[in-house]
Amino acid sequence: MEEKIPEYYIGKTHKIEARNVIEDFQAESYNLGTAITYLLRAGKKPNNPAAQDIRKAINHLHFELDKIYNEEK
């Protein structure tokens, strides 16, 4: 059974799913991929303010920076 993808995860012009963009550009980084996904849907998910998704994206970017800094030590 095929799962219906919510419209807020599908681009308006080319109808590309956010997960396909992530798989193509950032498959190796969960945090960067998740941050991008939050930014792509910001302001589009019903009852979910854009600021909330932007904050979540920023959090995941901080997680990725922490990971990078810890790997450098």
N, C-alpha and C. Protein backbone atom coordinates (compact mmCIF):
# COMPACT_ATOMS: atom_id res chain seq x y z
N MET A 1 0.84 -1.18 0.00
CA MET A 1 0.00 0.00 0.00
C MET A 1 0.89 1.25 0.00
N GLU A 2 0.62 2.17 -0.89
CA GLU A 2 1.40 3.37 -1.02
C GLU A 2 0.90 4.44 -0.05
N GLU A 3 1.83 5.06 0.66
CA GLU A 3 1.49 6.08 1.63
C GLU A 3 1.37 7.44 0.95
N LYS A 4 0.33 8.20 1.28
CA LYS A 4 0.15 9.54 0.69
C LYS A 4 1.09 10.52 1.39
N ILE A 5 1.86 11.22 0.58
CA ILE A 5 2.81 12.21 1.10
C ILE A 5 2.05 13.52 1.33
N PRO A 6 2.17 14.10 2.54
CA PRO A 6 1.50 15.38 2.78
C PRO A 6 1.97 16.45 1.79
N GLU A 7 1.07 17.32 1.38
CA GLU A 7 1.37 18.34 0.39
C GLU A 7 2.48 19.28 0.82
N TYR A 8 2.65 19.50 2.14
CA TYR A 8 3.68 20.42 2.60
C TYR A 8 5.09 19.84 2.44
N TYR A 9 5.20 18.60 2.00
CA TYR A 9 6.50 17.99 1.70
C TYR A 9 6.74 17.87 0.19
N ILE A 10 5.87 18.47 -0.61
CA ILE A 10 5.99 18.39 -2.08
C ILE A 10 6.12 19.79 -2.64
N GLY A 11 7.12 19.99 -3.50
CA GLY A 11 7.35 21.30 -4.12
C GLY A 11 6.18 21.72 -5.00
N LYS A 12 6.00 22.99 -5.13
CA LYS A 12 4.85 23.52 -5.89
C LYS A 12 5.05 23.44 -7.41
N THR A 13 6.24 23.76 -7.89
CA THR A 13 6.47 23.85 -9.33
C THR A 13 6.79 22.51 -9.96
N HIS A 14 7.79 21.82 -9.42
CA HIS A 14 8.25 20.57 -10.02
C HIS A 14 7.73 19.32 -9.32
N LYS A 15 6.97 19.53 -8.25
CA LYS A 15 6.34 18.43 -7.50
C LYS A 15 7.36 17.42 -6.96
N ILE A 16 8.55 17.92 -6.58
CA ILE A 16 9.59 17.07 -6.02
C ILE A 16 9.37 16.94 -4.52
N GLU A 17 9.45 15.71 -4.01
CA GLU A 17 9.29 15.47 -2.58
C GLU A 17 10.55 15.90 -1.85
N ALA A 18 10.36 16.48 -0.66
CA ALA A 18 11.49 16.93 0.15
C ALA A 18 12.48 15.79 0.39
N ARG A 19 11.99 14.59 0.66
CA ARG A 19 12.90 13.47 0.94
C ARG A 19 13.77 13.13 -0.26
N ASN A 20 13.26 13.34 -1.47
CA ASN A 20 14.07 13.08 -2.65
C ASN A 20 15.20 14.10 -2.78
N VAL A 21 14.92 15.35 -2.41
CA VAL A 21 15.96 16.37 -2.41
C VAL A 21 17.03 15.99 -1.39
N ILE A 22 16.60 15.59 -0.21
CA ILE A 22 17.54 15.23 0.86
C ILE A 22 18.37 14.02 0.46
N GLU A 23 17.74 13.00 -0.08
CA GLU A 23 18.48 11.81 -0.51
C GLU A 23 19.53 12.15 -1.55
N ASP A 24 19.21 13.11 -2.42
CA ASP A 24 20.14 13.48 -3.48
C ASP A 24 21.31 14.32 -2.96
N PHE A 25 21.03 15.23 -2.01
CA PHE A 25 22.06 16.17 -1.57
C PHE A 25 22.70 15.84 -0.22
N GLN A 26 21.94 15.28 0.72
CA GLN A 26 22.46 15.12 2.08
C GLN A 26 22.14 13.76 2.70
N ALA A 27 22.18 12.71 1.95
CA ALA A 27 21.84 11.38 2.47
C ALA A 27 22.75 10.95 3.61
N GLU A 28 23.99 11.44 3.61
CA GLU A 28 24.95 11.02 4.63
C GLU A 28 24.84 11.78 5.95
N SER A 29 24.02 12.81 6.01
CA SER A 29 23.92 13.60 7.23
C SER A 29 22.47 13.76 7.68
N TYR A 30 22.11 13.04 8.72
CA TYR A 30 20.75 13.13 9.26
C TYR A 30 20.41 14.56 9.67
N ASN A 31 21.32 15.21 10.40
CA ASN A 31 21.02 16.55 10.92
C ASN A 31 20.85 17.58 9.83
N LEU A 32 21.74 17.58 8.84
CA LEU A 32 21.60 18.53 7.74
C LEU A 32 20.34 18.24 6.92
N GLY A 33 20.08 16.98 6.67
CA GLY A 33 18.88 16.61 5.92
C GLY A 33 17.61 17.02 6.64
N THR A 34 17.59 16.80 7.94
CA THR A 34 16.41 17.17 8.73
C THR A 34 16.24 18.68 8.76
N ALA A 35 17.33 19.42 8.92
CA ALA A 35 17.25 20.88 8.92
C ALA A 35 16.68 21.39 7.59
N ILE A 36 17.15 20.82 6.50
CA ILE A 36 16.66 21.24 5.18
C ILE A 36 15.17 20.92 5.05
N THR A 37 14.77 19.76 5.52
CA THR A 37 13.36 19.36 5.44
C THR A 37 12.48 20.35 6.22
N TYR A 38 12.92 20.72 7.43
CA TYR A 38 12.16 21.71 8.21
C TYR A 38 12.07 23.04 7.47
N LEU A 39 13.15 23.46 6.84
CA LEU A 39 13.13 24.72 6.11
C LEU A 39 12.22 24.65 4.89
N LEU A 40 12.23 23.51 4.20
CA LEU A 40 11.39 23.36 3.02
C LEU A 40 9.90 23.41 3.36
N ARG A 41 9.53 22.90 4.54
CA ARG A 41 8.11 22.89 4.89
C ARG A 41 7.69 24.07 5.75
N ALA A 42 8.63 24.92 6.15
CA ALA A 42 8.33 26.05 7.05
C ALA A 42 7.16 26.88 6.51
N GLY A 43 6.15 27.03 7.35
CA GLY A 43 4.97 27.82 6.99
C GLY A 43 3.96 27.11 6.14
N LYS A 44 4.19 25.84 5.82
CA LYS A 44 3.27 25.11 4.94
C LYS A 44 2.43 24.07 5.67
N LYS A 45 2.93 23.55 6.79
CA LYS A 45 2.18 22.53 7.54
C LYS A 45 1.08 23.23 8.33
N PRO A 46 -0.16 22.75 8.20
CA PRO A 46 -1.28 23.38 8.92
C PRO A 46 -1.04 23.43 10.43
N ASN A 47 -1.39 24.54 11.03
CA ASN A 47 -1.29 24.75 12.48
C ASN A 47 0.14 24.62 12.99
N ASN A 48 1.10 24.88 12.14
CA ASN A 48 2.51 24.79 12.52
C ASN A 48 3.21 26.05 12.01
N PRO A 49 3.48 27.00 12.90
CA PRO A 49 4.07 28.27 12.46
C PRO A 49 5.44 28.08 11.83
N ALA A 50 5.75 28.91 10.85
CA ALA A 50 7.05 28.85 10.17
C ALA A 50 8.19 29.00 11.17
N ALA A 51 8.02 29.87 12.14
CA ALA A 51 9.08 30.10 13.14
C ALA A 51 9.43 28.81 13.88
N GLN A 52 8.44 27.98 14.13
CA GLN A 52 8.69 26.72 14.83
C GLN A 52 9.58 25.81 14.00
N ASP A 53 9.30 25.69 12.71
CA ASP A 53 10.13 24.85 11.85
C ASP A 53 11.53 25.44 11.67
N ILE A 54 11.62 26.76 11.61
CA ILE A 54 12.94 27.39 11.49
C ILE A 54 13.77 27.13 12.74
N ARG A 55 13.14 27.21 13.91
CA ARG A 55 13.85 26.90 15.16
C ARG A 55 14.33 25.44 15.17
N LYS A 56 13.48 24.53 14.71
CA LYS A 56 13.87 23.12 14.65
C LYS A 56 15.05 22.93 13.70
N ALA A 57 15.02 23.62 12.58
CA ALA A 57 16.14 23.54 11.63
C ALA A 57 17.43 24.04 12.27
N ILE A 58 17.34 25.16 12.96
CA ILE A 58 18.51 25.72 13.63
C ILE A 58 19.04 24.74 14.66
N ASN A 59 18.15 24.10 15.42
CA ASN A 59 18.59 23.10 16.40
C ASN A 59 19.38 21.99 15.73
N HIS A 60 18.88 21.49 14.62
CA HIS A 60 19.59 20.41 13.92
C HIS A 60 20.92 20.88 13.35
N LEU A 61 21.02 22.15 12.94
CA LEU A 61 22.29 22.68 12.50
C LEU A 61 23.28 22.76 13.67
N HIS A 62 22.78 23.13 14.85
CA HIS A 62 23.64 23.13 16.04
C HIS A 62 24.10 21.70 16.37
N PHE A 63 23.19 20.74 16.26
CA PHE A 63 23.56 19.34 16.51
C PHE A 63 24.69 18.92 15.57
N GLU A 64 24.58 19.32 14.31
CA GLU A 64 25.60 18.95 13.32
C GLU A 64 26.93 19.63 13.62
N LEU A 65 26.87 20.90 14.00
CA LEU A 65 28.11 21.59 14.38
C LEU A 65 28.76 20.94 15.59
N ASP A 66 27.98 20.57 16.59
CA ASP A 66 28.52 19.87 17.76
C ASP A 66 29.20 18.57 17.35
N LYS A 67 28.57 17.85 16.45
CA LYS A 67 29.12 16.59 15.96
C LYS A 67 30.46 16.83 15.27
N ILE A 68 30.51 17.84 14.42
CA ILE A 68 31.74 18.16 13.69
C ILE A 68 32.84 18.57 14.68
N TYR A 69 32.52 19.43 15.63
CA TYR A 69 33.52 19.89 16.61
C TYR A 69 34.03 18.71 17.43
N ASN A 70 33.14 17.80 17.82
CA ASN A 70 33.56 16.64 18.62
C ASN A 70 34.43 15.69 17.81
N GLU A 71 34.17 15.56 16.53
CA GLU A 71 34.99 14.69 15.67
C GLU A 71 36.38 15.28 15.45
N GLU A 72 36.49 16.62 15.50
CA GLU A 72 37.77 17.28 15.30
C GLU A 72 38.68 17.17 16.50
N LYS A 73 38.13 16.91 17.67
CA LYS A 73 38.92 16.82 18.91
C LYS A 73 39.70 15.54 18.99
